[in-house]
N, C-alpha and C. Protein backbone atom coordinates (compact mmCIF):
# COMPACT_ATOMS: atom_id res chain seq x y z
N MET A 1 -71.84 48.82 -15.99
CA MET A 1 -72.19 48.74 -17.07
C MET A 1 -71.78 49.99 -17.84
N ASN A 2 -70.51 50.19 -18.71
CA ASN A 2 -69.94 51.66 -18.88
C ASN A 2 -71.35 52.06 -20.13
N ALA A 3 -70.89 52.93 -20.65
CA ALA A 3 -71.71 54.03 -21.47
C ALA A 3 -71.78 53.12 -23.18
N THR A 4 -70.68 52.78 -23.50
CA THR A 4 -70.60 52.17 -24.33
C THR A 4 -71.37 51.00 -24.81
N ALA A 5 -71.50 49.79 -23.52
CA ALA A 5 -71.95 48.84 -23.32
C ALA A 5 -73.48 48.75 -23.03
N SER A 6 -73.48 50.04 -22.16
CA SER A 6 -75.32 50.39 -22.12
C SER A 6 -76.07 50.47 -23.35
N LEU A 7 -75.57 51.29 -24.10
CA LEU A 7 -76.38 51.98 -25.96
C LEU A 7 -76.17 50.35 -26.55
N ARG A 8 -74.94 49.40 -26.55
CA ARG A 8 -75.20 48.36 -26.98
C ARG A 8 -76.07 47.35 -26.87
N MET A 9 -76.47 47.80 -25.41
CA MET A 9 -77.73 46.56 -24.66
C MET A 9 -78.94 47.21 -25.57
N VAL A 10 -79.03 48.68 -25.32
CA VAL A 10 -80.36 49.20 -25.72
C VAL A 10 -80.51 49.08 -26.99
N LYS A 11 -79.40 49.15 -28.00
CA LYS A 11 -79.62 49.04 -29.24
C LYS A 11 -80.25 46.95 -29.66
N LEU A 12 -79.37 46.62 -29.26
CA LEU A 12 -79.91 45.30 -29.18
C LEU A 12 -81.23 45.13 -28.83
N ILE A 13 -81.82 45.28 -28.24
CA ILE A 13 -83.16 45.25 -27.93
C ILE A 13 -83.87 46.01 -28.42
N HIS A 14 -83.46 47.28 -28.39
CA HIS A 14 -84.81 48.15 -29.59
C HIS A 14 -84.41 47.04 -31.33
N THR A 15 -83.42 46.81 -31.48
CA THR A 15 -83.48 45.79 -32.80
C THR A 15 -84.40 44.57 -32.75
N ILE A 16 -84.42 43.92 -31.76
CA ILE A 16 -85.11 42.58 -31.83
C ILE A 16 -86.56 42.93 -31.52
N VAL A 17 -86.95 44.03 -30.47
CA VAL A 17 -88.24 44.76 -31.03
C VAL A 17 -88.64 44.73 -32.43
N TRP A 18 -87.91 45.72 -33.23
CA TRP A 18 -88.19 45.89 -34.27
C TRP A 18 -88.54 44.62 -34.98
N PHE A 19 -87.88 43.95 -35.01
CA PHE A 19 -87.80 43.26 -35.81
C PHE A 19 -89.25 41.89 -35.67
N VAL A 20 -89.13 42.11 -34.24
CA VAL A 20 -90.74 40.84 -33.98
C VAL A 20 -91.94 41.95 -34.45
N PHE A 21 -91.83 43.48 -34.73
CA PHE A 21 -93.14 44.04 -35.15
C PHE A 21 -92.53 44.17 -36.70
N ALA A 22 -91.75 44.18 -37.13
CA ALA A 22 -91.53 43.72 -38.93
C ALA A 22 -92.39 42.43 -39.77
N SER A 23 -91.66 41.31 -38.53
CA SER A 23 -91.97 40.23 -39.10
C SER A 23 -93.36 40.33 -38.97
N CYS A 24 -94.19 41.22 -37.73
CA CYS A 24 -95.44 40.55 -37.58
C CYS A 24 -96.35 41.53 -38.73
N ILE A 25 -95.61 42.56 -39.31
CA ILE A 25 -96.29 43.48 -40.29
C ILE A 25 -96.22 42.68 -41.54
N PHE A 26 -95.13 41.88 -42.02
CA PHE A 26 -94.90 41.40 -43.37
C PHE A 26 -95.59 39.63 -43.10
N ALA A 27 -96.20 38.92 -41.75
CA ALA A 27 -96.77 38.18 -41.91
C ALA A 27 -98.28 38.10 -42.42
N ILE A 28 -98.85 39.03 -41.39
CA ILE A 28 -100.09 39.76 -41.85
C ILE A 28 -100.57 39.38 -43.32
N PRO A 29 -100.21 39.96 -44.34
CA PRO A 29 -100.87 39.62 -45.58
C PRO A 29 -100.30 37.84 -45.86
N ALA A 30 -99.56 37.41 -45.26
CA ALA A 30 -99.45 35.83 -45.51
C ALA A 30 -100.36 34.95 -44.71
N CYS A 31 -100.65 35.27 -44.12
CA CYS A 31 -101.61 35.11 -42.99
C CYS A 31 -102.56 34.82 -43.68
N ALA A 32 -103.64 35.74 -44.32
CA ALA A 32 -104.16 36.47 -45.10
C ALA A 32 -104.22 35.47 -46.33
N LEU A 33 -103.27 35.30 -47.48
CA LEU A 33 -103.07 34.61 -48.08
C LEU A 33 -103.49 32.90 -47.81
N LEU A 34 -103.20 32.73 -46.32
CA LEU A 34 -103.28 30.98 -46.05
C LEU A 34 -104.85 30.95 -45.57
N GLY A 35 -105.25 32.17 -45.60
CA GLY A 35 -106.64 31.81 -44.97
C GLY A 35 -106.51 32.27 -43.49
N GLN A 36 -105.59 32.42 -42.77
CA GLN A 36 -105.46 32.39 -41.51
C GLN A 36 -105.79 33.83 -40.95
N TYR A 37 -107.70 34.08 -40.80
CA TYR A 37 -107.82 35.51 -40.73
C TYR A 37 -107.51 35.81 -39.24
N LEU A 38 -107.85 35.06 -38.08
CA LEU A 38 -107.67 35.06 -37.00
C LEU A 38 -106.33 35.56 -36.44
N LEU A 39 -105.35 34.98 -36.96
CA LEU A 39 -104.00 35.04 -36.68
C LEU A 39 -103.67 36.47 -37.36
N ALA A 40 -104.30 36.53 -38.49
CA ALA A 40 -103.52 38.17 -39.02
C ALA A 40 -104.61 38.91 -38.49
N THR A 41 -105.17 38.91 -37.85
CA THR A 41 -106.07 39.60 -36.98
C THR A 41 -105.30 39.86 -35.79
N LEU A 42 -104.94 38.94 -35.24
CA LEU A 42 -104.02 38.95 -33.92
C LEU A 42 -103.03 39.89 -34.00
N LEU A 43 -102.02 39.72 -35.27
CA LEU A 43 -100.65 40.09 -35.51
C LEU A 43 -101.25 41.60 -36.13
N SER A 44 -102.45 41.97 -36.45
CA SER A 44 -102.53 43.28 -36.83
C SER A 44 -102.79 44.19 -35.24
N LEU A 45 -103.41 43.29 -34.64
CA LEU A 45 -103.52 44.30 -33.22
C LEU A 45 -102.39 44.11 -32.41
N ILE A 46 -101.50 43.54 -32.53
CA ILE A 46 -100.47 43.21 -31.69
C ILE A 46 -99.51 44.51 -32.53
N VAL A 47 -99.36 45.23 -33.85
CA VAL A 47 -98.34 46.01 -34.15
C VAL A 47 -99.24 47.54 -34.02
N LEU A 48 -100.75 47.00 -33.81
CA LEU A 48 -101.55 48.52 -33.44
C LEU A 48 -101.58 48.80 -32.07
N VAL A 49 -101.03 48.30 -31.86
CA VAL A 49 -101.02 48.21 -29.92
C VAL A 49 -99.14 48.86 -30.30
N GLU A 50 -98.56 48.81 -31.06
CA GLU A 50 -96.94 49.30 -31.08
C GLU A 50 -97.21 50.78 -31.84
N VAL A 51 -98.04 50.59 -32.65
CA VAL A 51 -98.65 52.40 -33.12
C VAL A 51 -98.90 53.30 -32.49
N LEU A 52 -99.96 52.53 -30.97
CA LEU A 52 -100.48 53.58 -30.13
C LEU A 52 -99.47 54.03 -28.97
N VAL A 53 -98.49 53.20 -28.74
CA VAL A 53 -97.21 53.31 -28.36
C VAL A 53 -96.47 54.86 -28.76
N LEU A 54 -96.22 54.52 -30.19
CA LEU A 54 -95.33 55.17 -30.47
C LEU A 54 -96.44 56.54 -31.06
N MET A 55 -97.60 56.87 -30.69
CA MET A 55 -98.76 57.83 -30.95
C MET A 55 -98.09 58.51 -29.45
N VAL A 56 -98.07 58.01 -28.35
CA VAL A 56 -98.11 58.17 -26.95
C VAL A 56 -96.80 58.90 -27.05
N ASN A 57 -95.73 58.49 -27.31
CA ASN A 57 -94.53 58.97 -27.22
C ASN A 57 -93.85 59.82 -28.59
N HIS A 58 -94.77 60.34 -28.70
CA HIS A 58 -94.53 61.70 -30.06
C HIS A 58 -93.79 60.83 -31.16
N TRP A 59 -94.23 59.99 -31.83
CA TRP A 59 -93.55 58.89 -32.29
C TRP A 59 -92.21 58.61 -32.40
N HIS A 60 -92.09 58.40 -31.71
CA HIS A 60 -90.38 57.81 -31.11
C HIS A 60 -90.45 56.75 -30.19
N CYS A 61 -89.93 55.91 -30.52
CA CYS A 61 -89.83 54.51 -29.61
C CYS A 61 -89.24 54.78 -28.11
N PRO A 62 -89.81 54.23 -27.06
CA PRO A 62 -89.80 54.53 -25.93
C PRO A 62 -88.09 54.24 -24.99
N LEU A 63 -87.82 53.54 -26.20
CA LEU A 63 -86.09 53.01 -25.83
C LEU A 63 -85.03 54.21 -26.27
N THR A 64 -85.33 54.71 -27.02
CA THR A 64 -84.82 56.21 -27.88
C THR A 64 -84.08 56.92 -26.53
N PRO A 65 -85.18 57.71 -25.61
CA PRO A 65 -84.63 58.69 -24.86
C PRO A 65 -83.51 57.39 -24.07
N ILE A 66 -83.76 56.76 -23.75
CA ILE A 66 -82.72 55.77 -22.95
C ILE A 66 -81.02 55.88 -23.62
N ALA A 67 -81.60 55.22 -24.88
CA ALA A 67 -80.07 55.28 -25.63
C ALA A 67 -79.38 56.79 -25.90
N ALA A 68 -80.39 57.39 -25.96
CA ALA A 68 -79.61 58.68 -26.31
C ALA A 68 -79.03 59.28 -24.84
N ARG A 69 -79.03 58.82 -23.35
CA ARG A 69 -78.56 59.04 -22.37
C ARG A 69 -76.99 58.56 -22.78
N TYR A 70 -76.61 57.76 -23.73
CA TYR A 70 -75.02 57.21 -23.51
C TYR A 70 -74.65 57.35 -24.52
N THR A 71 -74.92 58.31 -25.53
CA THR A 71 -74.28 58.89 -26.63
C THR A 71 -74.44 60.33 -27.24
N HIS A 72 -73.72 61.23 -27.67
CA HIS A 72 -74.61 62.61 -28.03
C HIS A 72 -74.89 62.18 -29.91
N ASP A 73 -74.38 60.65 -30.04
CA ASP A 73 -75.05 60.75 -31.71
C ASP A 73 -76.56 60.85 -31.90
N ARG A 74 -77.00 61.58 -32.86
CA ARG A 74 -78.16 61.66 -33.13
C ARG A 74 -78.41 61.09 -34.69
N ARG A 75 -77.86 60.38 -35.05
CA ARG A 75 -78.27 59.77 -36.40
C ARG A 75 -79.60 58.84 -36.77
N ALA A 76 -80.00 58.93 -37.20
CA ALA A 76 -81.44 58.14 -37.40
C ALA A 76 -81.26 56.80 -36.71
N ASN A 77 -80.03 56.11 -36.74
CA ASN A 77 -79.36 54.68 -36.53
C ASN A 77 -78.60 55.10 -35.16
N PHE A 78 -78.89 55.77 -34.52
CA PHE A 78 -77.79 55.88 -33.40
C PHE A 78 -78.23 54.72 -32.11
N ASP A 79 -79.93 54.98 -32.59
CA ASP A 79 -80.16 53.49 -31.43
C ASP A 79 -80.64 52.44 -31.67
N ILE A 80 -80.25 51.96 -32.96
CA ILE A 80 -80.94 50.89 -33.22
C ILE A 80 -79.73 50.53 -34.29
N TYR A 81 -79.63 48.76 -34.37
CA TYR A 81 -78.63 48.28 -35.43
C TYR A 81 -79.83 48.19 -36.67
N LEU A 82 -79.90 48.68 -37.36
CA LEU A 82 -80.30 49.11 -38.42
C LEU A 82 -79.57 50.05 -39.59
N PRO A 83 -79.68 49.93 -40.69
CA PRO A 83 -78.66 50.97 -41.74
C PRO A 83 -79.73 52.03 -41.82
N GLU A 84 -78.57 53.18 -41.66
CA GLU A 84 -79.05 54.55 -41.33
C GLU A 84 -80.20 54.96 -42.39
N TRP A 85 -80.53 54.59 -43.55
CA TRP A 85 -81.42 55.16 -44.50
C TRP A 85 -82.72 54.19 -43.92
N LEU A 86 -82.67 52.87 -43.68
CA LEU A 86 -84.01 52.16 -43.02
C LEU A 86 -84.26 53.14 -41.75
N ALA A 87 -83.59 53.20 -40.99
CA ALA A 87 -84.22 53.86 -39.81
C ALA A 87 -84.27 54.80 -39.88
N ARG A 88 -83.90 56.20 -41.08
CA ARG A 88 -84.65 57.27 -41.32
C ARG A 88 -86.16 57.14 -41.86
N HIS A 89 -86.36 56.02 -42.59
CA HIS A 89 -87.62 55.95 -43.34
C HIS A 89 -88.35 54.63 -42.59
N ASN A 90 -87.75 54.25 -41.97
CA ASN A 90 -88.31 53.17 -40.92
C ASN A 90 -90.31 53.17 -40.62
N LYS A 91 -90.49 54.39 -40.47
CA LYS A 91 -92.03 54.49 -39.77
C LYS A 91 -93.15 54.98 -41.42
N VAL A 92 -92.42 55.62 -42.24
CA VAL A 92 -93.25 55.06 -43.63
C VAL A 92 -93.36 53.95 -44.24
N ILE A 93 -92.08 53.32 -44.37
CA ILE A 93 -92.24 52.03 -45.16
C ILE A 93 -93.18 50.87 -44.29
N PHE A 94 -92.50 51.18 -43.17
CA PHE A 94 -93.52 49.46 -42.14
C PHE A 94 -95.15 50.38 -42.32
N GLY A 95 -95.08 51.77 -42.11
CA GLY A 95 -96.63 52.09 -42.21
C GLY A 95 -97.10 51.80 -43.30
N ILE A 96 -96.72 52.10 -44.69
CA ILE A 96 -97.59 51.73 -45.63
C ILE A 96 -97.65 50.15 -45.48
N ALA A 97 -96.61 49.07 -45.66
CA ALA A 97 -96.77 47.82 -45.60
C ALA A 97 -97.84 47.13 -44.48
N TYR A 98 -98.10 48.14 -43.12
CA TYR A 98 -98.82 47.62 -42.41
C TYR A 98 -100.32 47.81 -42.90
N VAL A 99 -100.30 48.98 -42.88
CA VAL A 99 -101.87 49.25 -43.62
C VAL A 99 -102.45 48.61 -45.14
N ALA A 100 -101.46 48.15 -46.00
CA ALA A 100 -101.37 47.28 -47.14
C ALA A 100 -101.79 46.08 -46.74
N GLY A 101 -101.11 45.78 -45.61
CA GLY A 101 -101.59 44.49 -45.13
C GLY A 101 -103.01 44.39 -44.57
N VAL A 102 -103.01 45.21 -43.74
CA VAL A 102 -104.47 44.96 -43.07
C VAL A 102 -105.80 45.15 -44.48
N LEU A 103 -105.32 45.90 -45.07
CA LEU A 103 -106.24 46.10 -46.25
C LEU A 103 -106.61 44.96 -46.99
N PHE A 104 -105.31 44.28 -47.40
CA PHE A 104 -105.23 43.39 -48.04
C PHE A 104 -106.29 41.91 -47.16
N THR A 105 -106.07 41.79 -45.91
CA THR A 105 -106.71 41.00 -44.80
C THR A 105 -107.99 41.28 -45.19
N LEU A 106 -108.56 42.88 -45.02
CA LEU A 106 -110.03 42.61 -45.15
C LEU A 106 -110.39 42.57 -46.45
N ALA A 107 -109.69 42.45 -47.20
CA ALA A 107 -110.41 42.42 -48.66
C ALA A 107 -110.69 40.64 -48.65
N ARG A 108 -109.36 40.18 -48.25
CA ARG A 108 -109.94 38.64 -48.69
C ARG A 108 -110.72 38.27 -47.42
N TRP A 109 -110.73 38.95 -46.63
CA TRP A 109 -111.46 37.94 -45.83
C TRP A 109 -113.18 38.27 -45.86
N VAL A 110 -113.57 39.76 -46.33
CA VAL A 110 -114.87 40.03 -46.88
C VAL A 110 -115.36 39.14 -48.36
N GLU A 111 -114.11 38.74 -49.49
CA GLU A 111 -114.37 37.67 -50.11
C GLU A 111 -114.78 36.31 -49.76
N TRP A 112 -113.69 35.90 -48.40
CA TRP A 112 -114.13 34.24 -48.01
C TRP A 112 -115.51 34.59 -47.41
N LEU A 113 -115.78 35.49 -46.71
CA LEU A 113 -117.69 35.95 -46.09
C LEU A 113 -118.43 35.10 -47.93
């Protein structure tokens, strides 16, 4: 496989993984609204594992250095199929959404008890 094809493959995998975690983040408060607290907790824990992986990797996805092998491009979205502005602000946007969703879930859960 040549460098271009390899980079495309890494970007595709990275984008799919990102989509799964982004979906989990937005599903957390939706589950809480529906009273599905166990599912909301499970999704929160799944995302927490991803946060820990990012922390261990100095806040970079483990796929980023793999993508870097195949290009000299270092724009914010060189390793993922996202608009550059979203790739640049991804951690802030989804970090806030995650914390807000977890806090919302906790508030609903306490209210339910």
